[in-house]
């Protein structure tokens, strides 16, 4: 999984409950791209997405 800052932002916004169209508008990305990134991290399951965010924060 790619963990770019943009992906972290997308996952954080989706985990917080923002709709895909809103995240796409804020990040100036395509809605399909936002959905794909979210799905890689457990979207629409917010609990799974929060767990992904914790994994981003853990040092490797």
N, C-alpha and C. Protein backbone atom coordinates (compact mmCIF):
# COMPACT_ATOMS: atom_id res chain seq x y z
N UNK A 1 0.83 -1.19 0.00
CA UNK A 1 0.00 0.00 0.00
C UNK A 1 0.87 1.24 0.00
N UNK A 2 0.49 2.17 -0.79
CA UNK A 2 1.21 3.44 -0.85
C UNK A 2 0.74 4.31 0.30
N UNK A 3 1.68 4.93 0.98
CA UNK A 3 1.31 5.75 2.14
C UNK A 3 1.81 7.18 1.97
N UNK A 4 1.45 7.77 0.86
CA UNK A 4 1.83 9.15 0.63
C UNK A 4 1.01 10.06 1.53
N UNK A 5 1.47 11.29 1.74
CA UNK A 5 0.67 12.23 2.54
C UNK A 5 -0.73 12.43 1.97
N UNK A 6 -0.85 12.40 0.65
CA UNK A 6 -2.16 12.54 0.03
C UNK A 6 -3.07 11.38 0.42
N UNK A 7 -2.54 10.17 0.43
CA UNK A 7 -3.33 9.00 0.82
C UNK A 7 -3.74 9.10 2.28
N UNK A 8 -2.84 9.56 3.13
CA UNK A 8 -3.19 9.72 4.55
C UNK A 8 -4.34 10.70 4.71
N UNK A 9 -4.28 11.79 3.96
CA UNK A 9 -5.35 12.80 4.02
C UNK A 9 -6.67 12.20 3.56
N UNK A 10 -6.64 11.48 2.47
CA UNK A 10 -7.86 10.86 1.94
C UNK A 10 -8.45 9.89 2.95
N UNK A 11 -7.62 9.02 3.49
CA UNK A 11 -8.11 8.02 4.45
C UNK A 11 -8.63 8.70 5.71
N UNK A 12 -7.94 9.72 6.18
CA UNK A 12 -8.39 10.44 7.38
C UNK A 12 -9.75 11.10 7.15
N UNK A 13 -9.92 11.72 6.01
CA UNK A 13 -11.20 12.39 5.73
C UNK A 13 -12.33 11.38 5.59
N UNK A 14 -12.07 10.27 4.90
CA UNK A 14 -13.11 9.25 4.75
C UNK A 14 -13.43 8.60 6.09
N UNK A 15 -12.41 8.36 6.91
CA UNK A 15 -12.63 7.76 8.23
C UNK A 15 -13.43 8.69 9.13
N UNK A 16 -13.28 9.99 8.92
CA UNK A 16 -14.02 10.97 9.71
C UNK A 16 -15.47 11.11 9.26
N UNK A 17 -15.81 10.47 8.13
CA UNK A 17 -17.19 10.49 7.68
C UNK A 17 -17.47 11.39 6.50
N UNK A 18 -16.45 11.99 5.93
CA UNK A 18 -16.66 12.85 4.76
C UNK A 18 -17.03 11.99 3.56
N UNK A 19 -17.99 12.44 2.74
CA UNK A 19 -18.35 11.66 1.56
C UNK A 19 -17.25 11.73 0.49
N UNK A 20 -17.25 10.74 -0.38
CA UNK A 20 -16.22 10.64 -1.42
C UNK A 20 -16.19 11.89 -2.28
N UNK A 21 -17.35 12.41 -2.66
CA UNK A 21 -17.37 13.59 -3.53
C UNK A 21 -16.73 14.79 -2.85
N UNK A 22 -16.91 14.92 -1.55
CA UNK A 22 -16.33 16.04 -0.81
C UNK A 22 -14.81 15.91 -0.74
N UNK A 23 -14.34 14.71 -0.44
CA UNK A 23 -12.90 14.47 -0.37
C UNK A 23 -12.27 14.74 -1.74
N UNK A 24 -12.95 14.33 -2.80
CA UNK A 24 -12.44 14.58 -4.15
C UNK A 24 -12.35 16.07 -4.43
N UNK A 25 -13.33 16.83 -3.99
CA UNK A 25 -13.30 18.27 -4.23
C UNK A 25 -12.19 18.95 -3.43
N UNK A 26 -12.01 18.56 -2.19
CA UNK A 26 -10.98 19.17 -1.34
C UNK A 26 -9.58 18.83 -1.85
N UNK A 27 -9.37 17.58 -2.24
CA UNK A 27 -8.03 17.16 -2.69
C UNK A 27 -7.81 17.41 -4.18
N UNK A 28 -8.85 17.87 -4.86
CA UNK A 28 -8.80 18.13 -6.31
C UNK A 28 -8.39 16.88 -7.08
N UNK A 29 -9.03 15.77 -6.71
CA UNK A 29 -8.78 14.48 -7.35
C UNK A 29 -10.08 13.94 -7.92
N UNK A 30 -9.95 12.91 -8.71
CA UNK A 30 -11.11 12.24 -9.30
C UNK A 30 -11.82 11.41 -8.24
N UNK A 31 -13.14 11.37 -8.29
CA UNK A 31 -13.90 10.59 -7.30
C UNK A 31 -13.54 9.11 -7.33
N UNK A 32 -13.30 8.58 -8.52
CA UNK A 32 -12.93 7.16 -8.62
C UNK A 32 -11.60 6.90 -7.93
N UNK A 33 -10.65 7.81 -8.07
CA UNK A 33 -9.35 7.68 -7.41
C UNK A 33 -9.53 7.69 -5.89
N UNK A 34 -10.36 8.58 -5.39
CA UNK A 34 -10.62 8.67 -3.95
C UNK A 34 -11.24 7.36 -3.46
N UNK A 35 -12.21 6.87 -4.20
CA UNK A 35 -12.86 5.62 -3.82
C UNK A 35 -11.87 4.46 -3.83
N UNK A 36 -11.01 4.40 -4.84
CA UNK A 36 -10.02 3.33 -4.94
C UNK A 36 -9.05 3.36 -3.77
N UNK A 37 -8.54 4.54 -3.43
CA UNK A 37 -7.63 4.67 -2.29
C UNK A 37 -8.35 4.26 -1.01
N UNK A 38 -9.57 4.73 -0.84
CA UNK A 38 -10.34 4.37 0.34
C UNK A 38 -10.58 2.88 0.44
N UNK A 39 -10.92 2.25 -0.68
CA UNK A 39 -11.19 0.81 -0.69
C UNK A 39 -9.94 0.01 -0.34
N UNK A 40 -8.77 0.50 -0.72
CA UNK A 40 -7.52 -0.18 -0.36
C UNK A 40 -7.30 -0.19 1.15
N UNK A 41 -7.91 0.76 1.83
CA UNK A 41 -7.72 0.90 3.27
C UNK A 41 -8.97 0.55 4.07
N UNK A 42 -9.95 -0.11 3.44
CA UNK A 42 -11.11 -0.60 4.16
C UNK A 42 -12.40 0.18 3.99
N UNK A 43 -12.44 1.18 3.12
CA UNK A 43 -13.67 1.95 2.91
C UNK A 43 -14.76 1.01 2.44
N UNK A 44 -15.95 1.08 2.93
CA UNK A 44 -16.58 2.09 3.78
C UNK A 44 -16.54 1.79 5.27
N UNK A 45 -15.81 0.79 5.70
CA UNK A 45 -15.71 0.46 7.12
C UNK A 45 -14.79 1.46 7.83
N UNK A 46 -15.37 2.37 8.59
CA UNK A 46 -14.60 3.44 9.23
C UNK A 46 -13.61 2.91 10.27
N UNK A 47 -13.97 1.82 10.94
CA UNK A 47 -13.07 1.24 11.94
C UNK A 47 -11.80 0.73 11.26
N UNK A 48 -11.96 0.04 10.14
CA UNK A 48 -10.80 -0.47 9.40
C UNK A 48 -9.94 0.69 8.90
N UNK A 49 -10.57 1.77 8.50
CA UNK A 49 -9.82 2.93 8.00
C UNK A 49 -9.03 3.58 9.13
N UNK A 50 -9.62 3.65 10.31
CA UNK A 50 -8.89 4.22 11.45
C UNK A 50 -7.70 3.36 11.82
N UNK A 51 -7.85 2.05 11.69
CA UNK A 51 -6.73 1.15 11.95
C UNK A 51 -5.62 1.38 10.92
N UNK A 52 -5.99 1.63 9.68
CA UNK A 52 -4.99 1.94 8.65
C UNK A 52 -4.25 3.22 8.99
N UNK A 53 -4.97 4.21 9.52
CA UNK A 53 -4.32 5.46 9.91
C UNK A 53 -3.31 5.22 11.02
N UNK A 54 -3.65 4.36 11.96
CA UNK A 54 -2.71 4.04 13.04
C UNK A 54 -1.45 3.38 12.48
N UNK A 55 -1.62 2.54 11.48
CA UNK A 55 -0.47 1.89 10.86
C UNK A 55 0.41 2.90 10.15
N UNK A 56 -0.19 3.94 9.58
CA UNK A 56 0.59 5.01 8.93
C UNK A 56 1.49 5.69 9.95
N UNK A 57 0.95 5.87 11.16
CA UNK A 57 1.67 6.64 12.19
C UNK A 57 2.78 5.82 12.87
N UNK A 58 2.69 4.51 12.81
CA UNK A 58 3.69 3.67 13.48
C UNK A 58 5.04 3.77 12.77
N UNK A 59 6.10 3.95 13.53
CA UNK A 59 7.42 3.98 12.90
C UNK A 59 7.80 2.59 12.39
N UNK A 60 8.52 2.59 11.32
CA UNK A 60 8.93 1.31 10.73
C UNK A 60 10.34 1.00 11.03
